[in-house]
Amino acid sequence: MIVFGLYLWGGRSLAASVISATAILLFALQFIFQFNAVNGVLGGLMVLVGLYFSMAVWSEFSEFEVVNKEALTLLLVGWGLCLSVIVLAIFMVVSFIRDFAN
């Protein structure tokens, strides 16, 4: 998340910069105070970040004129990382919902 924030800090997207700054603040609050409600918010933000990065991977893949080994490697590794972020974020949200229901 910190790398995502630093990447976007150069004025690429105000909304993404706000999301990354909010997530960094929430991570810090969660580390210090360990609020259960923050887990759900962080999980939702991480799902959005994973979707954003998966669209960025698709954008980079579409710039290849010929689908070769490097393009497929970019697609598989990039989407693999994005999918792992999304799956872990969904686990965070499900864990929050279970804790909230009890």
N, C-alpha and C. Protein backbone atom coordinates (compact mmCIF):
# COMPACT_ATOMS: atom_id res chain seq x y z
N MET A 1 0.83 -1.18 0.00
CA MET A 1 0.00 0.00 0.00
C MET A 1 0.87 1.24 0.00
N ILE A 2 1.97 1.21 0.71
CA ILE A 2 2.85 2.37 0.75
C ILE A 2 3.46 2.60 -0.62
N VAL A 3 3.85 1.53 -1.31
CA VAL A 3 4.40 1.67 -2.66
C VAL A 3 3.34 2.23 -3.59
N PHE A 4 2.11 1.77 -3.45
CA PHE A 4 1.00 2.29 -4.26
C PHE A 4 0.83 3.79 -4.02
N GLY A 5 0.89 4.21 -2.78
CA GLY A 5 0.76 5.63 -2.46
C GLY A 5 1.90 6.46 -3.01
N LEU A 6 3.12 5.95 -2.89
CA LEU A 6 4.26 6.68 -3.42
C LEU A 6 4.22 6.77 -4.94
N TYR A 7 3.75 5.72 -5.59
CA TYR A 7 3.63 5.73 -7.05
C TYR A 7 2.64 6.79 -7.50
N LEU A 8 1.54 6.92 -6.80
CA LEU A 8 0.49 7.85 -7.22
C LEU A 8 0.69 9.26 -6.69
N TRP A 9 1.65 9.47 -5.80
CA TRP A 9 1.79 10.76 -5.16
C TRP A 9 2.21 11.85 -6.14
N GLY A 10 2.73 11.50 -7.29
CA GLY A 10 3.20 12.49 -8.25
C GLY A 10 2.10 13.19 -9.01
N GLY A 11 0.88 13.10 -8.58
CA GLY A 11 -0.22 13.82 -9.22
C GLY A 11 -0.91 13.03 -10.31
N ARG A 12 -0.75 11.72 -10.32
CA ARG A 12 -1.38 10.92 -11.36
C ARG A 12 -2.90 10.88 -11.21
N SER A 13 -3.35 10.70 -10.00
CA SER A 13 -4.78 10.60 -9.76
C SER A 13 -5.07 11.04 -8.33
N LEU A 14 -5.89 12.05 -8.19
CA LEU A 14 -6.21 12.55 -6.85
C LEU A 14 -6.99 11.53 -6.05
N ALA A 15 -7.97 10.87 -6.69
CA ALA A 15 -8.79 9.89 -5.98
C ALA A 15 -7.94 8.73 -5.48
N ALA A 16 -7.04 8.23 -6.32
CA ALA A 16 -6.19 7.12 -5.91
C ALA A 16 -5.21 7.56 -4.81
N SER A 17 -4.74 8.78 -4.88
CA SER A 17 -3.85 9.28 -3.83
C SER A 17 -4.59 9.39 -2.50
N VAL A 18 -5.83 9.83 -2.54
CA VAL A 18 -6.63 9.93 -1.31
C VAL A 18 -6.90 8.54 -0.75
N ILE A 19 -7.22 7.59 -1.62
CA ILE A 19 -7.47 6.22 -1.17
C ILE A 19 -6.21 5.64 -0.53
N SER A 20 -5.07 5.83 -1.17
CA SER A 20 -3.83 5.27 -0.61
C SER A 20 -3.45 5.95 0.70
N ALA A 21 -3.62 7.26 0.79
CA ALA A 21 -3.31 7.96 2.04
C ALA A 21 -4.25 7.51 3.15
N THR A 22 -5.53 7.32 2.83
CA THR A 22 -6.49 6.83 3.81
C THR A 22 -6.13 5.43 4.28
N ALA A 23 -5.74 4.58 3.34
CA ALA A 23 -5.38 3.21 3.71
C ALA A 23 -4.14 3.18 4.58
N ILE A 24 -3.16 4.01 4.27
CA ILE A 24 -1.95 4.06 5.10
C ILE A 24 -2.29 4.52 6.51
N LEU A 25 -3.15 5.53 6.62
CA LEU A 25 -3.59 6.00 7.93
C LEU A 25 -4.35 4.90 8.68
N LEU A 26 -5.22 4.18 7.97
CA LEU A 26 -5.98 3.10 8.61
C LEU A 26 -5.06 1.96 9.05
N PHE A 27 -4.05 1.64 8.23
CA PHE A 27 -3.08 0.61 8.64
C PHE A 27 -2.36 1.03 9.92
N ALA A 28 -1.98 2.30 10.00
CA ALA A 28 -1.30 2.79 11.20
C ALA A 28 -2.22 2.73 12.41
N LEU A 29 -3.48 3.15 12.24
CA LEU A 29 -4.44 3.08 13.35
C LEU A 29 -4.68 1.64 13.77
N GLN A 30 -4.79 0.75 12.80
CA GLN A 30 -5.03 -0.65 13.10
C GLN A 30 -3.84 -1.25 13.84
N PHE A 31 -2.65 -0.87 13.45
CA PHE A 31 -1.45 -1.38 14.11
C PHE A 31 -1.37 -0.92 15.56
N ILE A 32 -1.77 0.32 15.80
CA ILE A 32 -1.66 0.88 17.15
C ILE A 32 -2.84 0.47 18.04
N PHE A 33 -4.07 0.65 17.54
CA PHE A 33 -5.25 0.48 18.39
C PHE A 33 -5.99 -0.84 18.19
N GLN A 34 -5.82 -1.51 17.06
CA GLN A 34 -6.44 -2.79 16.73
C GLN A 34 -7.97 -2.75 16.83
N PHE A 35 -8.57 -1.85 16.06
CA PHE A 35 -10.02 -1.77 15.96
C PHE A 35 -10.53 -2.85 15.01
N ASN A 36 -11.62 -3.52 15.38
CA ASN A 36 -12.19 -4.53 14.50
C ASN A 36 -12.87 -3.90 13.29
N ALA A 37 -13.46 -2.73 13.45
CA ALA A 37 -14.17 -2.10 12.34
C ALA A 37 -13.22 -1.68 11.22
N VAL A 38 -11.99 -1.40 11.57
CA VAL A 38 -11.03 -0.97 10.55
C VAL A 38 -10.71 -2.11 9.59
N ASN A 39 -10.80 -3.36 10.07
CA ASN A 39 -10.53 -4.50 9.19
C ASN A 39 -11.46 -4.53 8.00
N GLY A 40 -12.72 -4.25 8.21
CA GLY A 40 -13.68 -4.24 7.10
C GLY A 40 -13.39 -3.15 6.10
N VAL A 41 -13.04 -1.97 6.61
CA VAL A 41 -12.72 -0.85 5.71
C VAL A 41 -11.44 -1.13 4.94
N LEU A 42 -10.43 -1.64 5.63
CA LEU A 42 -9.17 -1.97 4.95
C LEU A 42 -9.37 -3.06 3.91
N GLY A 43 -10.17 -4.05 4.23
CA GLY A 43 -10.45 -5.10 3.27
C GLY A 43 -11.13 -4.56 2.02
N GLY A 44 -12.11 -3.68 2.21
CA GLY A 44 -12.78 -3.07 1.07
C GLY A 44 -11.84 -2.23 0.23
N LEU A 45 -10.98 -1.45 0.90
CA LEU A 45 -10.01 -0.64 0.17
C LEU A 45 -9.02 -1.52 -0.60
N MET A 46 -8.60 -2.61 0.01
CA MET A 46 -7.65 -3.50 -0.67
C MET A 46 -8.28 -4.19 -1.87
N VAL A 47 -9.58 -4.49 -1.80
CA VAL A 47 -10.26 -5.03 -2.98
C VAL A 47 -10.23 -4.01 -4.11
N LEU A 48 -10.52 -2.75 -3.78
CA LEU A 48 -10.48 -1.69 -4.79
C LEU A 48 -9.08 -1.51 -5.37
N VAL A 49 -8.07 -1.57 -4.52
CA VAL A 49 -6.69 -1.44 -5.00
C VAL A 49 -6.33 -2.62 -5.91
N GLY A 50 -6.74 -3.82 -5.53
CA GLY A 50 -6.48 -4.99 -6.36
C GLY A 50 -7.15 -4.88 -7.72
N LEU A 51 -8.39 -4.39 -7.74
CA LEU A 51 -9.08 -4.20 -9.01
C LEU A 51 -8.41 -3.12 -9.85
N TYR A 52 -7.97 -2.05 -9.20
CA TYR A 52 -7.27 -0.97 -9.91
C TYR A 52 -6.00 -1.50 -10.56
N PHE A 53 -5.22 -2.27 -9.80
CA PHE A 53 -3.98 -2.81 -10.34
C PHE A 53 -4.25 -3.85 -11.43
N SER A 54 -5.32 -4.62 -11.31
CA SER A 54 -5.62 -5.59 -12.37
C SER A 54 -5.98 -4.87 -13.67
N MET A 55 -6.66 -3.73 -13.57
CA MET A 55 -6.93 -2.94 -14.77
C MET A 55 -5.65 -2.32 -15.32
N ALA A 56 -4.73 -1.94 -14.44
CA ALA A 56 -3.44 -1.41 -14.89
C ALA A 56 -2.63 -2.48 -15.62
N VAL A 57 -2.68 -3.71 -15.11
CA VAL A 57 -1.99 -4.82 -15.79
C VAL A 57 -2.60 -5.05 -17.16
N TRP A 58 -3.92 -5.02 -17.25
CA TRP A 58 -4.58 -5.20 -18.55
C TRP A 58 -4.21 -4.07 -19.51
N SER A 59 -4.11 -2.86 -19.00
CA SER A 59 -3.72 -1.72 -19.83
C SER A 59 -2.31 -1.90 -20.38
N GLU A 60 -1.39 -2.33 -19.53
CA GLU A 60 -0.02 -2.57 -19.99
C GLU A 60 0.03 -3.73 -20.98
N PHE A 61 -0.76 -4.76 -20.75
CA PHE A 61 -0.79 -5.90 -21.66
C PHE A 61 -1.33 -5.50 -23.02
N SER A 62 -2.32 -4.62 -23.05
CA SER A 62 -2.91 -4.22 -24.33
C SER A 62 -1.96 -3.36 -25.16
N GLU A 63 -0.90 -2.83 -24.56
CA GLU A 63 0.07 -2.04 -25.32
C GLU A 63 1.02 -2.91 -26.14
N PHE A 64 1.08 -4.20 -25.86
CA PHE A 64 1.90 -5.10 -26.67
C PHE A 64 1.22 -5.29 -28.02
N GLU A 65 1.98 -5.09 -29.10
CA GLU A 65 1.41 -5.28 -30.43
C GLU A 65 1.27 -6.76 -30.76
N VAL A 66 2.22 -7.55 -30.29
CA VAL A 66 2.22 -8.99 -30.53
C VAL A 66 2.21 -9.68 -29.17
N VAL A 67 1.33 -10.66 -29.02
CA VAL A 67 1.28 -11.41 -27.77
C VAL A 67 2.43 -12.41 -27.79
N ASN A 68 3.45 -12.13 -27.00
CA ASN A 68 4.61 -13.01 -26.92
C ASN A 68 4.79 -13.49 -25.48
N LYS A 69 5.93 -14.13 -25.24
CA LYS A 69 6.17 -14.69 -23.91
C LYS A 69 6.21 -13.61 -22.83
N GLU A 70 6.81 -12.46 -23.14
CA GLU A 70 6.90 -11.39 -22.15
C GLU A 70 5.53 -10.82 -21.82
N ALA A 71 4.67 -10.70 -22.83
CA ALA A 71 3.32 -10.18 -22.59
C ALA A 71 2.53 -11.15 -21.71
N LEU A 72 2.64 -12.43 -22.00
CA LEU A 72 1.93 -13.42 -21.20
C LEU A 72 2.48 -13.50 -19.77
N THR A 73 3.80 -13.34 -19.63
CA THR A 73 4.39 -13.32 -18.29
C THR A 73 3.87 -12.13 -17.50
N LEU A 74 3.82 -10.96 -18.15
CA LEU A 74 3.26 -9.78 -17.49
C LEU A 74 1.84 -10.03 -17.04
N LEU A 75 1.04 -10.61 -17.92
CA LEU A 75 -0.36 -10.86 -17.61
C LEU A 75 -0.52 -11.86 -16.47
N LEU A 76 0.20 -12.98 -16.54
CA LEU A 76 0.05 -14.02 -15.53
C LEU A 76 0.59 -13.59 -14.16
N VAL A 77 1.77 -13.00 -14.14
CA VAL A 77 2.34 -12.58 -12.86
C VAL A 77 1.55 -11.42 -12.27
N GLY A 78 1.23 -10.44 -13.11
CA GLY A 78 0.48 -9.27 -12.63
C GLY A 78 -0.89 -9.64 -12.11
N TRP A 79 -1.62 -10.44 -12.88
CA TRP A 79 -2.94 -10.82 -12.42
C TRP A 79 -2.87 -11.79 -11.24
N GLY A 80 -1.81 -12.59 -11.18
CA GLY A 80 -1.64 -13.46 -10.02
C GLY A 80 -1.47 -12.67 -8.73
N LEU A 81 -0.64 -11.63 -8.80
CA LEU A 81 -0.45 -10.77 -7.62
C LEU A 81 -1.73 -10.03 -7.27
N CYS A 82 -2.42 -9.51 -8.28
CA CYS A 82 -3.67 -8.78 -8.03
C CYS A 82 -4.72 -9.71 -7.43
N LEU A 83 -4.81 -10.91 -7.96
CA LEU A 83 -5.79 -11.87 -7.45
C LEU A 83 -5.48 -12.26 -6.01
N SER A 84 -4.20 -12.41 -5.69
CA SER A 84 -3.85 -12.75 -4.31
C SER A 84 -4.22 -11.61 -3.35
N VAL A 85 -4.03 -10.36 -3.77
CA VAL A 85 -4.42 -9.22 -2.95
C VAL A 85 -5.94 -9.21 -2.75
N ILE A 86 -6.68 -9.45 -3.83
CA ILE A 86 -8.14 -9.44 -3.75
C ILE A 86 -8.65 -10.56 -2.85
N VAL A 87 -8.08 -11.75 -2.98
CA VAL A 87 -8.51 -12.88 -2.15
C VAL A 87 -8.23 -12.62 -0.67
N LEU A 88 -7.04 -12.12 -0.35
CA LEU A 88 -6.74 -11.81 1.04
C LEU A 88 -7.63 -10.70 1.58
N ALA A 89 -7.95 -9.73 0.75
CA ALA A 89 -8.84 -8.65 1.18
C ALA A 89 -10.25 -9.17 1.43
N ILE A 90 -10.70 -10.09 0.60
CA ILE A 90 -12.03 -10.68 0.81
C ILE A 90 -12.04 -11.47 2.12
N PHE A 91 -10.95 -12.17 2.43
CA PHE A 91 -10.85 -12.86 3.72
C PHE A 91 -10.94 -11.87 4.88
N MET A 92 -10.33 -10.70 4.73
CA MET A 92 -10.42 -9.67 5.77
C MET A 92 -11.86 -9.22 5.97
N VAL A 93 -12.57 -9.00 4.86
CA VAL A 93 -13.96 -8.54 4.95
C VAL A 93 -14.84 -9.62 5.57
N VAL A 94 -14.66 -10.87 5.15
CA VAL A 94 -15.45 -11.97 5.70
C VAL A 94 -15.16 -12.13 7.19
N SER A 95 -13.91 -12.01 7.59
CA SER A 95 -13.56 -12.09 9.00
C SER A 95 -14.22 -10.97 9.80
N PHE A 96 -14.24 -9.77 9.23
CA PHE A 96 -14.90 -8.65 9.89
C PHE A 96 -16.39 -8.91 10.04
N ILE A 97 -17.02 -9.43 9.00
CA ILE A 97 -18.47 -9.70 9.05
C ILE A 97 -18.76 -10.76 10.11
N ARG A 98 -17.94 -11.80 10.19
CA ARG A 98 -18.14 -12.83 11.21
C ARG A 98 -17.97 -12.27 12.62
N ASP A 99 -16.96 -11.44 12.81
CA ASP A 99 -16.75 -10.83 14.13
C ASP A 99 -17.87 -9.87 14.48
N PHE A 100 -18.37 -9.15 13.49
CA PHE A 100 -19.44 -8.18 13.71
C PHE A 100 -20.75 -8.88 14.04
N ALA A 101 -20.99 -10.06 13.43
CA ALA A 101 -22.23 -10.79 13.65
C ALA A 101 -22.28 -11.41 15.05
N ASN A 102 -21.13 -11.68 15.62
CA ASN A 102 -21.10 -12.31 16.95
C ASN A 102 -21.21 -11.33 18.04
